[in-house]
């Protein structure tokens, strides 16, 4: 999994991106192909998504520091609002 993470990071070197989402879109399919190649079999997309968590976290952190987003909630801009459900012992 670490090899896939490292590969995804190497793909971003020398590239310019306007958002963390662009980075993810740029690396996902390439990382998936790479993971299948090095594992010698089809891997699940979940495997690659897990490998990309550090890349995505770093990308979002970078864009916050660059002032391109102001808060954690900006990550969800452009996505539908999902109602949250509060869990309590009464709901179990």
Protein backbone atom coordinates (compact mmCIF):
# COMPACT_ATOMS: atom_id res chain seq x y z
CA UNK A 1 0.00 0.00 0.00
CA UNK A 2 2.86 2.35 0.84
CA UNK A 3 4.28 1.83 -2.66
CA UNK A 4 1.01 3.07 -4.14
CA UNK A 5 1.06 6.12 -1.86
CA UNK A 6 4.64 6.88 -2.83
CA UNK A 7 3.82 6.40 -6.53
CA UNK A 8 0.84 8.76 -6.30
CA UNK A 9 3.03 11.43 -4.71
CA UNK A 10 5.64 11.01 -7.46
CA UNK A 11 2.93 11.65 -10.07
CA UNK A 12 2.26 15.08 -8.60
CA UNK A 13 5.88 16.27 -8.79
CA UNK A 14 6.24 19.16 -11.20
CA UNK A 15 2.49 19.42 -11.80
CA UNK A 16 0.23 22.37 -10.98
CA UNK A 17 -3.17 21.91 -9.42
CA UNK A 18 -5.94 24.29 -8.41
CA UNK A 19 -7.55 22.05 -5.81
CA UNK A 20 -7.10 18.90 -3.78
CA UNK A 21 -9.86 17.31 -5.85
CA UNK A 22 -7.81 17.86 -9.01
CA UNK A 23 -4.89 16.05 -7.42
CA UNK A 24 -7.09 13.10 -6.50
CA UNK A 25 -8.63 12.92 -9.97
CA UNK A 26 -5.16 13.10 -11.53
CA UNK A 27 -3.64 10.28 -9.46
CA UNK A 28 -6.47 7.82 -8.83
CA UNK A 29 -6.69 5.90 -12.13
CA UNK A 30 -2.92 5.89 -12.56
CA UNK A 31 -2.47 4.66 -9.00
CA UNK A 32 -5.07 1.96 -9.53
CA UNK A 33 -3.25 0.68 -12.62
CA UNK A 34 0.05 0.78 -10.76
CA UNK A 35 -1.39 -1.14 -7.79
CA UNK A 36 -2.72 -3.88 -10.09
CA UNK A 37 0.64 -4.07 -11.83
CA UNK A 38 2.77 -4.40 -8.69
CA UNK A 39 0.33 -6.80 -7.00
CA UNK A 40 0.05 -8.94 -10.13
CA UNK A 41 -3.74 -9.01 -9.86
CA UNK A 42 -6.81 -6.84 -9.86
CA UNK A 43 -6.98 -4.95 -6.58
CA UNK A 44 -10.06 -3.36 -5.14
CA UNK A 45 -10.61 0.32 -5.64
CA UNK A 46 -10.93 0.51 -1.85
CA UNK A 47 -7.30 -0.61 -1.55
CA UNK A 48 -6.22 2.32 -3.71
CA UNK A 49 -8.52 4.75 -1.91
CA UNK A 50 -6.93 3.72 1.38
CA UNK A 51 -3.46 4.18 -0.10
CA UNK A 52 -4.42 7.70 -1.21
CA UNK A 53 -5.70 8.90 2.17
CA UNK A 54 -2.33 10.47 3.13
CA UNK A 55 -2.07 12.15 -0.28
CA UNK A 56 -5.58 13.56 -0.01
CA UNK A 57 -5.04 14.73 3.57
CA UNK A 58 -1.78 16.44 2.62
CA UNK A 59 -3.40 18.08 -0.41
CA UNK A 60 -6.28 19.49 1.64
CA UNK A 61 -3.87 20.71 4.32
CA UNK A 62 -1.71 22.39 1.70
CA UNK A 63 -4.63 24.21 0.09
CA UNK A 64 -5.81 25.43 3.51
CA UNK A 65 -2.32 26.77 4.24
CA UNK A 66 -2.19 28.45 0.85
CA UNK A 67 -5.44 30.21 1.70
CA UNK A 68 -7.48 28.51 -1.00
CA UNK A 69 -9.92 27.23 1.57
CA UNK A 70 -10.68 28.51 5.01
CA UNK A 71 -12.03 25.57 6.94
CA UNK A 72 -12.59 21.85 6.97
CA UNK A 73 -16.12 22.40 5.69
CA UNK A 74 -14.73 23.83 2.45
CA UNK A 75 -13.76 20.27 1.51
CA UNK A 76 -17.44 19.59 0.91
CA UNK A 77 -18.19 22.62 -1.24
CA UNK A 78 -20.07 21.53 -4.31
CA UNK A 79 -21.38 18.32 -2.78
CA UNK A 80 -24.95 17.77 -1.69
CA UNK A 81 -25.69 18.37 1.94
CA UNK A 82 -26.24 15.19 3.86
CA UNK A 83 -28.27 15.27 7.01
CA UNK A 84 -26.48 13.83 9.97
CA UNK A 85 -28.09 11.50 12.39
CA UNK A 86 -27.16 11.73 16.04
CA UNK A 87 -26.76 8.39 17.67
CA UNK A 88 -27.82 7.73 21.21
CA UNK A 89 -28.59 4.64 23.19
CA UNK A 90 -32.26 5.26 22.35
CA UNK A 91 -31.53 4.72 18.65
CA UNK A 92 -29.82 1.34 19.10
